[in-house]
Amino acid sequence: MSPDSRQPVSSARHTIGIDVGGTSIRAAVVNRDGEVVDSVRAPTPRSAPVLEDALHRVVGQLAERNDVAAVGLAVAGFLTADCSTVRFAPHLPWVGAPVRATLTERFGLPVVLEHDANAAAWAEYRFGAAAGSRVAVIVALGTGIGAALLVDGVLYRGAYGVAPELGHLQVVPDGRPCPCGKRGCWERYCSGTALVDTAVEMLAANPGRSQLAAGVAADPGSLTGRRIAGAAQDGDPLAVAAVADFARWLGLGLAMVADIYDPEIVVIGGGVSGSASLFLDDAREHYAAATTGAGHRPLARVRVTQLGDAAGLVGAADLARAAVGEARS
């Protein structure tokens, strides 16, 4: 059945949201209230045709069990301004690929394509921590930093569809090398990867009496952001120092974000946000002190995501619902 021959969307019908990650595809049926009612997961293939086959299978599985009207894809990569084509995605095989048209034909359903941070921001605006906010920024802390900006309920994309790349603002001239090709990017000091790099540097300089240091000496490959956070929770001095450095960089980066956008709220998401209790209060203090005009202007609220790692797929599903509703109105 072609998209044009389907019945108009009703409030009772659902949409599918898919978070296309570098290692796994997470797909879910989402209702009009942003609630996940069914879900499926699959590994992410490494070639474009096989990836599209895998997406077709998960959509088929969900569509068999649910009445669905459209599909939204959240993708970590650079999209064209009209969100029809993936220019490049560092962990996916699409390059200059007209993904929206290709998958619309494959699925027999309307497809909406969106940057993953934008999709997550939309979900937080519609159903989560940023609900009702006039100017909202999401900062997703994971392997790197993803970011999105919403102004009066509209996603800001820039002239060519790639804004805002906050993670690649340079905070340290000639600093740590970044995969983007620059040095000293914010995400090289404030991300899950950066937390590990900071701990490694501190271990090399002064391991001291640290259980974390002893564990890493026994198994050098065992150091992860999750392990550092756990050690900080237990009071390990080296881990506590690494997390404090992370908090300082988060606060300084948020001060730059405030100076540029003057947001009402900043939502912290991404995998690292699960450990926010360890660093967010300190980060807020650094942010408040470093913002231009500190003490003489309102500060944005800084909150943790309410939707967690489901935000991207919930947002993609809701954007698909909105797009189909507009098309049928």
C-alpha atoms as a PDB file:
ATOM      1  CA  MET A   1       0.000   0.000   0.000  1.00  0.00           C
ATOM      2  CA  SER A   2       1.431   3.369  -0.988  1.00  0.00           C
ATOM      3  CA  PRO A   3       1.559   6.274   1.498  1.00  0.00           C
ATOM      4  CA  ASP A   4      -1.015   8.242  -0.531  1.00  0.00           C
ATOM      5  CA  SER A   5      -3.566   5.405  -0.411  1.00  0.00           C
ATOM      6  CA  ARG A   6      -3.582   5.087   3.367  1.00  0.00           C
ATOM      7  CA  GLN A   7      -6.428   6.490   5.432  1.00  0.00           C
ATOM      8  CA  PRO A   8      -5.909   9.854   7.159  1.00  0.00           C
ATOM      9  CA  VAL A   9      -4.224   9.739  10.550  1.00  0.00           C
ATOM     10  CA  SER A  10      -6.571   9.559  13.517  1.00  0.00           C
ATOM     11  CA  SER A  11      -5.694  10.361  17.090  1.00  0.00           C
ATOM     12  CA  ALA A  12      -5.937   6.649  17.897  1.00  0.00           C
ATOM     13  CA  ARG A  13      -3.213   5.603  15.454  1.00  0.00           C
ATOM     14  CA  HIS A  14       0.425   5.394  16.448  1.00  0.00           C
ATOM     15  CA  THR A  15       3.735   6.202  14.814  1.00  0.00           C
ATOM     16  CA  ILE A  16       7.086   4.416  14.890  1.00  0.00           C
ATOM     17  CA  GLY A  17      10.248   6.114  16.123  1.00  0.00           C
ATOM     18  CA  ILE A  18      13.653   4.647  15.352  1.00  0.00           C
ATOM     19  CA  ASP A  19      16.986   5.607  16.880  1.00  0.00           C
ATOM     20  CA  VAL A  20      19.600   4.456  14.370  1.00  0.00           C
ATOM     21  CA  GLY A  21      22.770   4.113  16.414  1.00  0.00           C
ATOM     22  CA  GLY A  22      26.224   2.941  15.470  1.00  0.00           C
ATOM     23  CA  THR A  23      25.809  -0.406  17.240  1.00  0.00           C
ATOM     24  CA  SER A  24      22.053  -0.948  17.493  1.00  0.00           C
ATOM     25  CA  ILE A  25      18.720  -0.004  15.982  1.00  0.00           C
ATOM     26  CA  ARG A  26      16.098   0.800  18.622  1.00  0.00           C
ATOM     27  CA  ALA A  27      12.561   1.084  17.307  1.00  0.00           C
ATOM     28  CA  ALA A  28       9.324   1.733  19.182  1.00  0.00           C
ATOM     29  CA  VAL A  29       5.660   2.358  18.597  1.00  0.00           C
ATOM     30  CA  VAL A  30       4.746   5.639  20.305  1.00  0.00           C
ATOM     31  CA  ASN A  31       1.282   6.981  21.041  1.00  0.00           C
ATOM     32  CA  ARG A  32       0.126  10.599  20.843  1.00  0.00           C
ATOM     33  CA  ASP A  33       1.115  11.174  24.488  1.00  0.00           C
ATOM     34  CA  GLY A  34       4.749  10.218  23.859  1.00  0.00           C
ATOM     35  CA  GLU A  35       4.393   6.813  25.530  1.00  0.00           C
ATOM     36  CA  VAL A  36       6.178   3.740  24.163  1.00  0.00           C
ATOM     37  CA  VAL A  37       3.653   0.935  23.646  1.00  0.00           C
ATOM     38  CA  ASP A  38       5.808  -1.612  21.783  1.00  0.00           C
ATOM     39  CA  SER A  39       9.499  -1.884  20.927  1.00  0.00           C
ATOM     40  CA  VAL A  40      12.138  -3.970  19.179  1.00  0.00           C
ATOM     41  CA  ARG A  41      15.916  -3.828  18.890  1.00  0.00           C
ATOM     42  CA  ALA A  42      18.367  -5.112  16.275  1.00  0.00           C
ATOM     43  CA  PRO A  43      22.112  -4.775  15.564  1.00  0.00           C
ATOM     44  CA  THR A  44      23.167  -2.056  13.117  1.00  0.00           C
ATOM     45  CA  PRO A  45      24.576  -3.516   9.866  1.00  0.00           C
ATOM     46  CA  ARG A  46      27.661  -1.968   8.284  1.00  0.00           C
ATOM     47  CA  SER A  47      26.469  -1.559   4.687  1.00  0.00           C
ATOM     48  CA  ALA A  48      23.669   0.688   3.470  1.00  0.00           C
ATOM     49  CA  PRO A  49      21.564  -1.981   1.691  1.00  0.00           C
ATOM     50  CA  VAL A  50      21.718  -4.350   4.664  1.00  0.00           C
ATOM     51  CA  LEU A  51      20.933  -1.508   7.067  1.00  0.00           C
ATOM     52  CA  GLU A  52      17.866  -0.594   5.024  1.00  0.00           C
ATOM     53  CA  ASP A  53      16.810  -4.261   5.011  1.00  0.00           C
ATOM     54  CA  ALA A  54      17.149  -4.347   8.806  1.00  0.00           C
ATOM     55  CA  LEU A  55      15.070  -1.185   9.190  1.00  0.00           C
ATOM     56  CA  HIS A  56      12.424  -2.663   6.905  1.00  0.00           C
ATOM     57  CA  ARG A  57      12.259  -5.775   9.088  1.00  0.00           C
ATOM     58  CA  VAL A  58      11.840  -3.909  12.388  1.00  0.00           C
ATOM     59  CA  VAL A  59       9.186  -1.632  10.904  1.00  0.00           C
ATOM     60  CA  GLY A  60       7.402  -4.686   9.546  1.00  0.00           C
ATOM     61  CA  GLN A  61       7.470  -6.409  12.938  1.00  0.00           C
ATOM     62  CA  LEU A  62       5.988  -3.398  14.689  1.00  0.00           C
ATOM     63  CA  ALA A  63       3.449  -2.658  11.949  1.00  0.00           C
ATOM     64  CA  GLU A  64       2.160  -6.236  12.131  1.00  0.00           C
ATOM     65  CA  ARG A  65       1.303  -5.786  15.800  1.00  0.00           C
ATOM     66  CA  ASN A  66       0.148  -2.144  15.753  1.00  0.00           C
ATOM     67  CA  ASP A  67      -1.843   0.294  13.627  1.00  0.00           C
ATOM     68  CA  VAL A  68       0.859   2.750  12.541  1.00  0.00           C
ATOM     69  CA  ALA A  69       0.679   5.792  10.298  1.00  0.00           C
ATOM     70  CA  ALA A  70       4.275   6.918   9.761  1.00  0.00           C
ATOM     71  CA  VAL A  71       7.914   6.370  10.726  1.00  0.00           C
ATOM     72  CA  GLY A  72      10.437   8.813  12.165  1.00  0.00           C
ATOM     73  CA  LEU A  73      14.187   8.145  12.081  1.00  0.00           C
ATOM     74  CA  ALA A  74      16.647   9.793  14.468  1.00  0.00           C
ATOM     75  CA  VAL A  75      20.144   9.699  12.964  1.00  0.00           C
ATOM     76  CA  ALA A  76      23.469  10.870  14.386  1.00  0.00           C
ATOM     77  CA  GLY A  77      24.911  12.649  11.379  1.00  0.00           C
ATOM     78  CA  PHE A  78      24.758  15.619   9.045  1.00  0.00           C
ATOM     79  CA  LEU A  79      21.464  16.028   7.192  1.00  0.00           C
ATOM     80  CA  THR A  80      20.446  18.405   4.434  1.00  0.00           C
ATOM     81  CA  ALA A  81      18.378  21.383   5.551  1.00  0.00           C
ATOM     82  CA  ASP A  82      15.160  19.749   4.303  1.00  0.00           C
ATOM     83  CA  CYS A  83      15.962  16.554   6.251  1.00  0.00           C
ATOM     84  CA  SER A  84      15.690  14.378   3.156  1.00  0.00           C
ATOM     85  CA  THR A  85      19.292  13.233   2.769  1.00  0.00           C
ATOM     86  CA  VAL A  86      22.048  12.026   5.084  1.00  0.00           C
ATOM     87  CA  ARG A  87      25.162  13.905   3.998  1.00  0.00           C
ATOM     88  CA  PHE A  88      27.436  11.931   6.330  1.00  0.00           C
ATOM     89  CA  ALA A  89      27.092   9.924   9.522  1.00  0.00           C
ATOM     90  CA  PRO A  90      30.352   8.909  11.228  1.00  0.00           C
ATOM     91  CA  HIS A  91      29.023   5.577  12.532  1.00  0.00           C
ATOM     92  CA  LEU A  92      26.602   4.706   9.722  1.00  0.00           C
ATOM     93  CA  PRO A  93      27.144   3.706   6.066  1.00  0.00           C
ATOM     94  CA  TRP A  94      24.998   6.450   4.506  1.00  0.00           C
ATOM     95  CA  VAL A  95      26.907   9.126   2.554  1.00  0.00           C
ATOM     96  CA  GLY A  96      24.921  11.535   0.389  1.00  0.00           C
ATOM     97  CA  ALA A  97      22.019   9.088   0.658  1.00  0.00           C
ATOM     98  CA  PRO A  98      18.380  10.103  -0.047  1.00  0.00           C
ATOM     99  CA  VAL A  99      17.246   8.134   2.990  1.00  0.00           C
ATOM    100  CA  ARG A 100      13.777   9.656   3.349  1.00  0.00           C
ATOM    101  CA  ALA A 101      12.674   8.797  -0.182  1.00  0.00           C
ATOM    102  CA  THR A 102      14.334   5.395  -0.162  1.00  0.00           C
ATOM    103  CA  LEU A 103      12.739   4.280   3.089  1.00  0.00           C
ATOM    104  CA  THR A 104       9.336   5.785   2.284  1.00  0.00           C
ATOM    105  CA  GLU A 105       9.264   3.511  -0.757  1.00  0.00           C
ATOM    106  CA  ARG A 106      10.555   0.496   1.169  1.00  0.00           C
ATOM    107  CA  PHE A 107       8.167   0.857   4.109  1.00  0.00           C
ATOM    108  CA  GLY A 108       5.053   1.935   2.228  1.00  0.00           C
ATOM    109  CA  LEU A 109       4.680   4.558   4.952  1.00  0.00           C
ATOM    110  CA  PRO A 110       5.607   8.244   5.189  1.00  0.00           C
ATOM    111  CA  VAL A 111       9.100   8.681   6.664  1.00  0.00           C
ATOM    112  CA  VAL A 112      10.493  11.669   8.547  1.00  0.00           C
ATOM    113  CA  LEU A 113      14.263  11.981   8.964  1.00  0.00           C
ATOM    114  CA  GLU A 114      15.792  13.974  11.817  1.00  0.00           C
ATOM    115  CA  HIS A 115      19.112  14.541  13.567  1.00  0.00           C
ATOM    116  CA  ASP A 116      19.146  12.512  16.788  1.00  0.00           C
ATOM    117  CA  ALA A 117      19.801  15.495  19.063  1.00  0.00           C
ATOM    118  CA  ASN A 118      16.997  17.450  17.402  1.00  0.00           C
ATOM    119  CA  ALA A 119      14.633  14.520  17.851  1.00  0.00           C
ATOM    120  CA  ALA A 120      15.562  14.251  21.531  1.00  0.00           C
ATOM    121  CA  ALA A 121      15.102  17.996  21.997  1.00  0.00           C
ATOM    122  CA  TRP A 122      11.670  17.828  20.399  1.00  0.00           C
ATOM    123  CA  ALA A 123      10.660  15.001  22.744  1.00  0.00           C
ATOM    124  CA  GLU A 124      11.794  16.954  25.806  1.00  0.00           C
ATOM    125  CA  TYR A 125       9.892  20.008  24.553  1.00  0.00           C
ATOM    126  CA  ARG A 126       6.703  18.070  23.893  1.00  0.00           C
ATOM    127  CA  PHE A 127       6.706  15.643  26.805  1.00  0.00           C
ATOM    128  CA  GLY A 128       9.659  16.225  29.120  1.00  0.00           C
ATOM    129  CA  ALA A 129      11.942  18.633  30.903  1.00  0.00           C
ATOM    130  CA  ALA A 130      11.649  21.484  28.375  1.00  0.00           C
ATOM    131  CA  ALA A 131       7.856  21.466  28.078  1.00  0.00           C
ATOM    132  CA  GLY A 132       6.528  24.971  27.525  1.00  0.00           C
ATOM    133  CA  SER A 133       9.968  26.596  27.294  1.00  0.00           C
ATOM    134  CA  ARG A 134      10.369  29.412  24.786  1.00  0.00           C
ATOM    135  CA  VAL A 135      14.119  28.944  24.194  1.00  0.00           C
ATOM    136  CA  ALA A 136      15.505  25.504  25.028  1.00  0.00           C
ATOM    137  CA  VAL A 137      18.888  23.913  24.426  1.00  0.00           C
ATOM    138  CA  ILE A 138      19.631  20.214  24.782  1.00  0.00           C
ATOM    139  CA  VAL A 139      23.192  19.060  25.425  1.00  0.00           C
ATOM    140  CA  ALA A 140      23.592  15.311  24.985  1.00  0.00           C
ATOM    141  CA  LEU A 141      26.709  14.015  26.705  1.00  0.00           C
ATOM    142  CA  GLY A 142      27.858  10.684  25.329  1.00  0.00           C
ATOM    143  CA  THR A 143      30.876   9.616  23.301  1.00  0.00           C
ATOM    144  CA  GLY A 144      30.893  13.240  22.179  1.00  0.00           C
ATOM    145  CA  ILE A 145      28.400  16.095  22.549  1.00  0.00           C
ATOM    146  CA  GLY A 146      25.206  16.373  20.576  1.00  0.00           C
ATOM    147  CA  ALA A 147      23.214  19.581  20.746  1.00  0.00           C
ATOM    148  CA  ALA A 148      19.939  21.109  19.626  1.00  0.00           C
ATOM    149  CA  LEU A 149      18.146  24.446  19.913  1.00  0.00           C
ATOM    150  CA  LEU A 150      14.402  25.091  19.990  1.00  0.00           C
ATOM    151  CA  VAL A 151      13.009  28.628  19.711  1.00  0.00           C
ATOM    152  CA  ASP A 152       9.264  29.097  20.152  1.00  0.00           C
ATOM    153  CA  GLY A 153       8.697  25.435  19.405  1.00  0.00           C
ATOM    154  CA  VAL A 154      10.750  25.445  16.193  1.00  0.00           C
ATOM    155  CA  LEU A 155      13.982  23.486  15.758  1.00  0.00           C
ATOM    156  CA  TYR A 156      16.845  25.713  14.645  1.00  0.00           C
ATOM    157  CA  ARG A 157      18.921  24.078  11.892  1.00  0.00           C
ATOM    158  CA  GLY A 158      21.057  26.862  10.454  1.00  0.00           C
ATOM    159  CA  ALA A 159      21.352  27.704   6.765  1.00  0.00           C
ATOM    160  CA  TYR A 160      22.567  24.242   5.704  1.00  0.00           C
ATOM    161  CA  GLY A 161      21.004  21.952   8.286  1.00  0.00           C
ATOM    162  CA  VAL A 162      24.028  21.301  10.514  1.00  0.00           C
ATOM    163  CA  ALA A 163      23.532  23.692  13.453  1.00  0.00           C
ATOM    164  CA  PRO A 164      24.238  23.741  16.338  1.00  0.00           C
ATOM    165  CA  GLU A 165      27.523  21.798  16.640  1.00  0.00           C
ATOM    166  CA  LEU A 166      28.259  22.955  20.175  1.00  0.00           C
ATOM    167  CA  GLY A 167      30.552  20.031  20.902  1.00  0.00           C
ATOM    168  CA  HIS A 168      33.060  21.396  18.430  1.00  0.00           C
ATOM    169  CA  LEU A 169      33.386  24.875  19.873  1.00  0.00           C
ATOM    170  CA  GLN A 170      37.084  25.252  20.649  1.00  0.00           C
ATOM    171  CA  VAL A 171      37.631  25.725  24.374  1.00  0.00           C
ATOM    172  CA  VAL A 172      41.377  24.998  24.519  1.00  0.00           C
ATOM    173  CA  PRO A 173      43.595  26.362  21.719  1.00  0.00           C
ATOM    174  CA  ASP A 174      45.928  23.569  20.556  1.00  0.00           C
ATOM    175  CA  GLY A 175      44.245  21.234  23.060  1.00  0.00           C
ATOM    176  CA  ARG A 176      43.352  17.582  22.772  1.00  0.00           C
ATOM    177  CA  PRO A 177      42.939  16.367  19.179  1.00  0.00           C
ATOM    178  CA  CYS A 178      39.355  15.791  18.082  1.00  0.00           C
ATOM    179  CA  PRO A 179      38.111  13.326  15.427  1.00  0.00           C
ATOM    180  CA  CYS A 180      36.561  16.322  13.648  1.00  0.00           C
ATOM    181  CA  GLY A 181      40.075  17.464  12.711  1.00  0.00           C
ATOM    182  CA  LYS A 182      40.355  20.373  15.147  1.00  0.00           C
ATOM    183  CA  ARG A 183      42.007  20.512  18.549  1.00  0.00           C
ATOM    184  CA  GLY A 184      40.598  21.541  21.897  1.00  0.00           C
ATOM    185  CA  CYS A 185      36.885  21.011  21.142  1.00  0.00           C
ATOM    186  CA  TRP A 186      34.480  21.162  24.080  1.00  0.00           C
ATOM    187  CA  GLU A 187      33.581  17.494  23.711  1.00  0.00           C
ATOM    188  CA  ARG A 188      37.232  16.530  24.173  1.00  0.00           C
ATOM    189  CA  TYR A 189      36.931  17.791  27.768  1.00  0.00           C
ATOM    190  CA  CYS A 190      33.260  17.146  28.508  1.00  0.00           C
ATOM    191  CA  SER A 191      31.989  13.744  27.344  1.00  0.00           C
ATOM    192  CA  GLY A 192      32.219  10.111  28.328  1.00  0.00           C
ATOM    193  CA  THR A 193      35.354   9.772  26.222  1.00  0.00           C
ATOM    194  CA  ALA A 194      36.819  12.932  27.732  1.00  0.00           C
ATOM    195  CA  LEU A 195      36.239  11.665  31.264  1.00  0.00           C
ATOM    196  CA  VAL A 196      38.406   8.630  30.478  1.00  0.00           C
ATOM    197  CA  ASP A 197      41.101  10.816  28.891  1.00  0.00           C
ATOM    198  CA  THR A 198      41.163  13.065  31.943  1.00  0.00           C
ATOM    199  CA  ALA A 199      41.497  10.109  34.291  1.00  0.00           C
ATOM    200  CA  VAL A 200      44.343   8.673  32.192  1.00  0.00           C
ATOM    201  CA  GLU A 201      46.190  11.982  32.333  1.00  0.00           C
ATOM    202  CA  MET A 202      45.709  12.178  36.097  1.00  0.00           C
ATOM    203  CA  LEU A 203      46.866   8.587  36.536  1.00  0.00           C
ATOM    204  CA  ALA A 204      50.019   9.311  34.574  1.00  0.00           C
ATOM    205  CA  ALA A 205      50.761  12.456  36.558  1.00  0.00           C
ATOM    206  CA  ASN A 206      50.017  11.213  40.058  1.00  0.00           C
ATOM    207  CA  PRO A 207      48.265   7.874  40.613  1.00  0.00           C
ATOM    208  CA  GLY A 208      48.446   8.263  44.380  1.00  0.00           C
ATOM    209  CA  ARG A 209      46.537   5.922  46.651  1.00  0.00           C
ATOM    210  CA  SER A 210      43.654   5.122  44.361  1.00  0.00           C
ATOM    211  CA  GLN A 211      41.782   1.850  44.002  1.00  0.00           C
ATOM    212  CA  LEU A 212      40.888   2.972  40.494  1.00  0.00           C
ATOM    213  CA  ALA A 213      44.585   3.319  39.682  1.00  0.00           C
ATOM    214  CA  ALA A 214      45.300  -0.132  41.053  1.00  0.00           C
ATOM    215  CA  GLY A 215      42.520  -1.654  38.987  1.00  0.00           C
ATOM    216  CA  VAL A 216      43.662   0.047  35.808  1.00  0.00           C
ATOM    217  CA  ALA A 217      47.259  -1.052  36.407  1.00  0.00           C
ATOM    218  CA  ALA A 218      46.043  -4.636  36.550  1.00  0.00           C
ATOM    219  CA  ASP A 219      43.831  -4.240  33.453  1.00  0.00           C
ATOM    220  CA  PRO A 220      44.644  -1.119  31.405  1.00  0.00           C
ATOM    221  CA  GLY A 221      41.714  -1.661  29.053  1.00  0.00           C
ATOM    222  CA  SER A 222      39.166  -1.648  31.851  1.00  0.00           C
ATOM    223  CA  LEU A 223      38.926   2.117  32.291  1.00  0.00           C
ATOM    224  CA  THR A 224      35.548   3.430  31.161  1.00  0.00           C
ATOM    225  CA  GLY A 225      33.432   6.435  31.986  1.00  0.00           C
ATOM    226  CA  ARG A 226      30.991   4.172  33.814  1.00  0.00           C
ATOM    227  CA  ARG A 227      33.796   2.729  35.940  1.00  0.00           C
ATOM    228  CA  ILE A 228      35.114   6.201  36.783  1.00  0.00           C
ATOM    229  CA  ALA A 229      31.635   7.336  37.800  1.00  0.00           C
ATOM    230  CA  GLY A 230      31.234   4.280  40.009  1.00  0.00           C
ATOM    231  CA  ALA A 231      34.600   4.883  41.646  1.00  0.00           C
ATOM    232  CA  ALA A 232      33.712   8.555  42.221  1.00  0.00           C
ATOM    233  CA  GLN A 233      30.464   7.451  43.864  1.00  0.00           C
ATOM    234  CA  ASP A 234      32.579   5.317  46.204  1.00  0.00           C
ATOM    235  CA  GLY A 235      34.840   8.265  47.019  1.00  0.00           C
ATOM    236  CA  ASP A 236      37.958   7.240  45.094  1.00  0.00           C
ATOM    237  CA  PRO A 237      40.090  10.431  45.092  1.00  0.00           C
ATOM    238  CA  LEU A 238      41.334  10.142  41.525  1.00  0.00           C
ATOM    239  CA  ALA A 239      37.854   9.448  40.157  1.00  0.00           C
ATOM    240  CA  VAL A 240      36.407  12.321  42.220  1.00  0.00           C
ATOM    241  CA  ALA A 241      39.045  14.660  40.774  1.00  0.00           C
ATOM    242  CA  ALA A 242      38.299  13.514  37.203  1.00  0.00           C
ATOM    243  CA  VAL A 243      34.571  14.075  37.678  1.00  0.00           C
ATOM    244  CA  ALA A 244      35.243  17.512  39.205  1.00  0.00           C
ATOM    245  CA  ASP A 245      37.250  18.454  36.115  1.00  0.00           C
ATOM    246  CA  PHE A 246      34.380  17.227  33.937  1.00  0.00           C
ATOM    247  CA  ALA A 247      31.931  19.379  35.930  1.00  0.00           C
ATOM    248  CA  ARG A 248      34.138  22.438  35.494  1.00  0.00           C
ATOM    249  CA  TRP A 249      34.241  22.014  31.719  1.00  0.00           C
ATOM    250  CA  LEU A 250      30.505  21.409  31.566  1.00  0.00           C
ATOM    251  CA  GLY A 251      29.863  24.617  33.487  1.00  0.00           C
ATOM    252  CA  LEU A 252      32.261  26.654  31.341  1.00  0.00           C
ATOM    253  CA  GLY A 253      30.680  25.292  28.167  1.00  0.00           C
ATOM    254  CA  LEU A 254      27.191  26.053  29.402  1.00  0.00           C
ATOM    255  CA  ALA A 255      28.289  29.623  30.091  1.00  0.00           C
ATOM    256  CA  MET A 256      29.281  29.932  26.426  1.00  0.00           C
ATOM    257  CA  VAL A 257      25.929  28.474  25.390  1.00  0.00           C
ATOM    258  CA  ALA A 258      24.165  31.026  27.613  1.00  0.00           C
ATOM    259  CA  ASP A 259      26.166  33.894  26.140  1.00  0.00           C
ATOM    260  CA  ILE A 260      25.260  32.811  22.596  1.00  0.00           C
ATOM    261  CA  TYR A 261      21.616  31.731  22.938  1.00  0.00           C
ATOM    262  CA  ASP A 262      20.371  33.071  26.303  1.00  0.00           C
ATOM    263  CA  PRO A 263      18.164  29.984  26.792  1.00  0.00           C
ATOM    264  CA  GLU A 264      15.390  29.588  29.309  1.00  0.00           C
ATOM    265  CA  ILE A 265      16.379  25.978  29.978  1.00  0.00           C
ATOM    266  CA  VAL A 266      19.245  23.624  29.196  1.00  0.00           C
ATOM    267  CA  VAL A 267      18.441  19.911  29.272  1.00  0.00           C
ATOM    268  CA  ILE A 268      21.341  17.544  29.885  1.00  0.00           C
ATOM    269  CA  GLY A 269      20.846  14.214  28.133  1.00  0.00           C
ATOM    270  CA  GLY A 270      22.957  11.424  26.690  1.00  0.00           C
ATOM    271  CA  GLY A 271      24.441   8.404  28.418  1.00  0.00           C
ATOM    272  CA  VAL A 272      26.580  10.430  30.823  1.00  0.00           C
ATOM    273  CA  SER A 273      23.479  12.132  32.221  1.00  0.00           C
ATOM    274  CA  GLY A 274      22.787   8.970  34.205  1.00  0.00           C
ATOM    275  CA  SER A 275      25.592  10.054  36.543  1.00  0.00           C
ATOM    276  CA  ALA A 276      24.412  13.666  36.778  1.00  0.00           C
ATOM    277  CA  SER A 277      24.106  13.522  40.558  1.00  0.00           C
ATOM    278  CA  LEU A 278      27.911  13.398  40.673  1.00  0.00           C
ATOM    279  CA  PHE A 279      28.582  16.552  38.672  1.00  0.00           C
ATOM    280  CA  LEU A 280      25.537  18.657  37.879  1.00  0.00           C
ATOM    281  CA  ASP A 281      25.444  20.801  41.032  1.00  0.00           C
ATOM    282  CA  ASP A 282      29.131  21.705  40.611  1.00  0.00           C
ATOM    283  CA  ALA A 283      28.581  22.371  36.907  1.00  0.00           C
ATOM    284  CA  ARG A 284      25.739  24.764  37.724  1.00  0.00           C
ATOM    285  CA  GLU A 285      28.047  26.712  40.043  1.00  0.00           C
ATOM    286  CA  HIS A 286      30.767  26.986  37.392  1.00  0.00           C
ATOM    287  CA  TYR A 287      28.139  28.002  34.838  1.00  0.00           C
ATOM    288  CA  ALA A 288      26.710  30.706  37.077  1.00  0.00           C
ATOM    289  CA  ALA A 289      30.154  32.137  37.824  1.00  0.00           C
ATOM    290  CA  ALA A 290      31.395  32.131  34.212  1.00  0.00           C
ATOM    291  CA  THR A 291      28.328  33.553  32.446  1.00  0.00           C
ATOM    292  CA  THR A 292      28.776  37.115  31.214  1.00  0.00           C
ATOM    293  CA  GLY A 293      26.935  39.501  33.522  1.00  0.00           C
ATOM    294  CA  ALA A 294      26.833  36.917  36.282  1.00  0.00           C
ATOM    295  CA  GLY A 295      24.723  38.167  39.174  1.00  0.00           C
ATOM    296  CA  HIS A 296      22.917  40.705  37.010  1.00  0.00           C
ATOM    297  CA  ARG A 297      20.885  38.516  34.651  1.00  0.00           C
ATOM    298  CA  PRO A 298      18.542  35.526  34.897  1.00  0.00           C
ATOM    299  CA  LEU A 299      20.227  32.154  34.445  1.00  0.00           C
ATOM    300  CA  ALA A 300      18.825  29.252  32.492  1.00  0.00           C
ATOM    301  CA  ARG A 301      17.534  26.316  34.462  1.00  0.00           C
ATOM    302  CA  VAL A 302      19.788  23.309  33.950  1.00  0.00           C
ATOM    303  CA  ARG A 303      17.873  20.053  34.223  1.00  0.00           C
ATOM    304  CA  VAL A 304      18.416  16.383  33.420  1.00  0.00           C
ATOM    305  CA  THR A 305      16.411  14.704  30.671  1.00  0.00           C
ATOM    306  CA  GLN A 306      13.063  13.271  31.741  1.00  0.00           C
ATOM    307  CA  LEU A 307      12.844  10.825  28.829  1.00  0.00           C
ATOM    308  CA  GLY A 308      16.330   9.368  29.096  1.00  0.00           C
ATOM    309  CA  ASP A 309      17.646   7.287  26.206  1.00  0.00           C
ATOM    310  CA  ALA A 310      14.137   7.003  24.722  1.00  0.00           C
ATOM    311  CA  ALA A 311      14.057  10.721  23.882  1.00  0.00           C
ATOM    312  CA  GLY A 312      15.401  10.368  20.340  1.00  0.00           C
ATOM    313  CA  LEU A 313      12.948   7.731  19.201  1.00  0.00           C
ATOM    314  CA  VAL A 314      10.001   9.370  21.001  1.00  0.00           C
ATOM    315  CA  GLY A 315      10.831  12.681  19.350  1.00  0.00           C
ATOM    316  CA  ALA A 316      11.240  11.090  15.912  1.00  0.00           C
ATOM    317  CA  ALA A 317       7.868   9.362  16.266  1.00  0.00           C
ATOM    318  CA  ASP A 318       6.152  12.585  17.318  1.00  0.00           C
ATOM    319  CA  LEU A 319       7.714  14.545  14.455  1.00  0.00           C
ATOM    320  CA  ALA A 320       6.457  11.863  12.066  1.00  0.00           C
ATOM    321  CA  ARG A 321       2.963  12.177  13.557  1.00  0.00           C
ATOM    322  CA  ALA A 322       3.056  15.955  13.143  1.00  0.00           C
ATOM    323  CA  ALA A 323       4.291  15.731   9.551  1.00  0.00           C
ATOM    324  CA  VAL A 324       1.594  13.265   8.504  1.00  0.00           C
ATOM    325  CA  GLY A 325      -1.065  15.271  10.294  1.00  0.00           C
ATOM    326  CA  GLU A 326      -0.009  18.402   8.411  1.00  0.00           C
ATOM    327  CA  ALA A 327       0.011  16.523   5.122  1.00  0.00           C
ATOM    328  CA  ARG A 328      -3.560  15.277   5.700  1.00  0.00           C
ATOM    329  CA  SER A 329      -4.980  18.581   6.953  1.00  0.00           C
END
